[in-house]
Amino acid sequence: MSSLGSRDRQLLLALARRAVMRAVEFREAIANLPSEETLQRPGGAFVTLRRPGGRLRGCIGQLPSNHPLIEVVAHCAKAAALEDPRFRPLSPQELDEIEIEISVLSPLEPIALHQIEPGKHGVVVTRGAHRGVLLPQVAAEYQWTAERFLEETCEKAGLERDAWKDAETCIEAFTAEVFSESDLRSEAPSDPEPQGRAKPRYSSST
């Protein structure tokens, strides 16, 4: 996965913020997406909304597909604000306090237990109609082993915890470039362009 430039990260965060505001205020998707060529490439992403103190307020993602990254981020931002089944829809009063975090995913690749590096790899477990996804930040936050990470992902998929051992279970991995609005604010750029950096942080996935 190629690293996004600081301008691309800034554009994606600004886009996600506009998508959340449009969703909350009008229940609509935004139009006129940025036309930057680097953001038109296919990709997957998760958009996470946080309350003050880092508390989760919503997280929706889409695995890598043929859809342009810019469209995926806009869609997931709207969905995180309104459609995460764990939370009520975001209210206008919450807009100013919410922080947005984006995780841009690499392509999925098959992986075995001994190859998984907790904190580096996110995991996708699929068997039949069941699928579970956990981002790399989750294993780092809870200091899980690779085996525990797979067990938790299986449980998220609605499978038994040892389903990853089944030959019919598909295990895939990805990495994520993670950046947030606070990353941009905490940077002290030497030029007028705000900069951000990928920084490991916890993010729940849906």
Foldseek 3Di string as FASTA:
>chain_A
DDDDFFVVVVLLQVLLLVLLLCCQPPVDFDDDRDDDPVQQAWWKKKKWKAAPPRHTQFIEIDGTDRGGNRVRSSVNSSCRQPPRVVHHHHHPVCSVGIKMKMWIKDHKDFDDLVPDDQLFKWKWKDADPFIFTAASLACVVVVDHSLQNQLVRCVRRVHHSPCVVDPRMTMIIIGIQMWIPVQQVPDDDPDPRGGGGRDRHHDGYD
